[in-house]
């Protein structure tokens, strides 16, 4: 399992600030980790950090609420 570190971010007076403490979610894939993540109410984006099985450091920024491909395509 890979540990995904979620950092909730929000806007306050035009500046991006941390909303809550980082949350560590263990999951097999990024898609499943995003589905398990539940942000605070004033969170507008989340930064995700993780290390792959090969040891590569990765980062992804997602907007909240996150809509996956299944919801976007309407299936």
Protein backbone atom coordinates (compact mmCIF):
# COMPACT_ATOMS: atom_id res chain seq x y z
CA UNK A 1 0.00 0.00 0.00
CA UNK A 2 1.08 3.54 -0.69
CA UNK A 3 0.65 6.35 1.85
CA UNK A 4 -0.96 9.44 0.29
CA UNK A 5 -0.55 12.70 2.25
CA UNK A 6 -3.44 15.13 1.71
CA UNK A 7 -2.99 18.80 2.64
CA UNK A 8 -6.24 20.81 2.50
CA UNK A 9 -5.90 24.34 1.15
CA UNK A 10 -8.34 27.23 1.07
CA UNK A 11 -8.46 30.90 0.18
CA UNK A 12 -8.35 33.61 2.83
CA UNK A 13 -8.20 37.26 1.70
CA UNK A 14 -6.84 36.23 -1.71
CA UNK A 15 -4.04 34.09 -0.30
CA UNK A 16 -3.87 30.29 -0.29
CA UNK A 17 -3.54 28.93 3.26
CA UNK A 18 -3.60 25.50 4.94
CA UNK A 19 -7.07 24.72 6.26
CA UNK A 20 -6.38 21.58 8.29
CA UNK A 21 -3.57 19.31 9.39
CA UNK A 22 -2.20 16.87 6.80
CA UNK A 23 -4.10 13.58 6.51
CA UNK A 24 -2.33 10.31 5.66
CA UNK A 25 -4.46 7.80 3.74
CA UNK A 26 -3.11 4.33 2.82
CA UNK A 27 -4.51 3.02 -0.48
CA UNK A 28 -3.53 0.95 -3.49
CA UNK A 29 -4.18 3.74 -6.00
CA UNK A 30 -4.59 7.51 -6.14
CA UNK A 31 -8.17 7.13 -7.36
CA UNK A 32 -9.14 5.11 -4.27
CA UNK A 33 -7.30 7.51 -1.94
CA UNK A 34 -9.18 10.51 -3.38
CA UNK A 35 -12.49 8.65 -2.88
CA UNK A 36 -11.65 8.08 0.83
CA UNK A 37 -10.59 11.71 1.43
CA UNK A 38 -13.19 13.93 3.14
CA UNK A 39 -12.13 17.62 3.27
CA UNK A 40 -13.27 20.41 5.57
CA UNK A 41 -16.17 22.65 4.50
CA UNK A 42 -14.02 25.70 3.60
CA UNK A 43 -11.48 23.70 1.57
CA UNK A 44 -11.19 24.67 -2.11
CA UNK A 45 -8.24 22.50 -3.16
CA UNK A 46 -6.00 19.73 -1.89
CA UNK A 47 -2.34 18.96 -2.52
CA UNK A 48 -1.44 15.26 -2.54
CA UNK A 49 2.09 13.96 -1.97
CA UNK A 50 3.17 10.32 -2.26
CA UNK A 51 6.14 8.10 -3.00
CA UNK A 52 5.71 5.39 -5.63
CA UNK A 53 6.82 1.79 -5.26
CA UNK A 54 9.92 2.62 -7.33
CA UNK A 55 10.77 5.48 -4.94
CA UNK A 56 9.72 8.45 -7.08
CA UNK A 57 8.28 11.47 -5.24
CA UNK A 58 5.02 12.74 -6.78
CA UNK A 59 2.59 15.61 -6.23
CA UNK A 60 -0.90 16.38 -7.52
CA UNK A 61 -3.22 19.32 -6.91
CA UNK A 62 -6.97 18.64 -7.13
CA UNK A 63 -9.91 21.01 -6.82
CA UNK A 64 -12.63 20.29 -4.29
CA UNK A 65 -15.24 18.88 -4.89
CA UNK A 66 -13.43 16.34 -7.08
CA UNK A 67 -15.44 14.77 -9.89
CA UNK A 68 -14.08 11.55 -11.30
CA UNK A 69 -14.26 10.48 -14.94
CA UNK A 70 -17.35 8.32 -14.37
CA UNK A 71 -19.29 11.32 -13.00
CA UNK A 72 -18.05 13.67 -15.75
CA UNK A 73 -19.06 11.30 -18.57
CA UNK A 74 -22.46 10.50 -17.04
CA UNK A 75 -22.26 6.72 -16.88
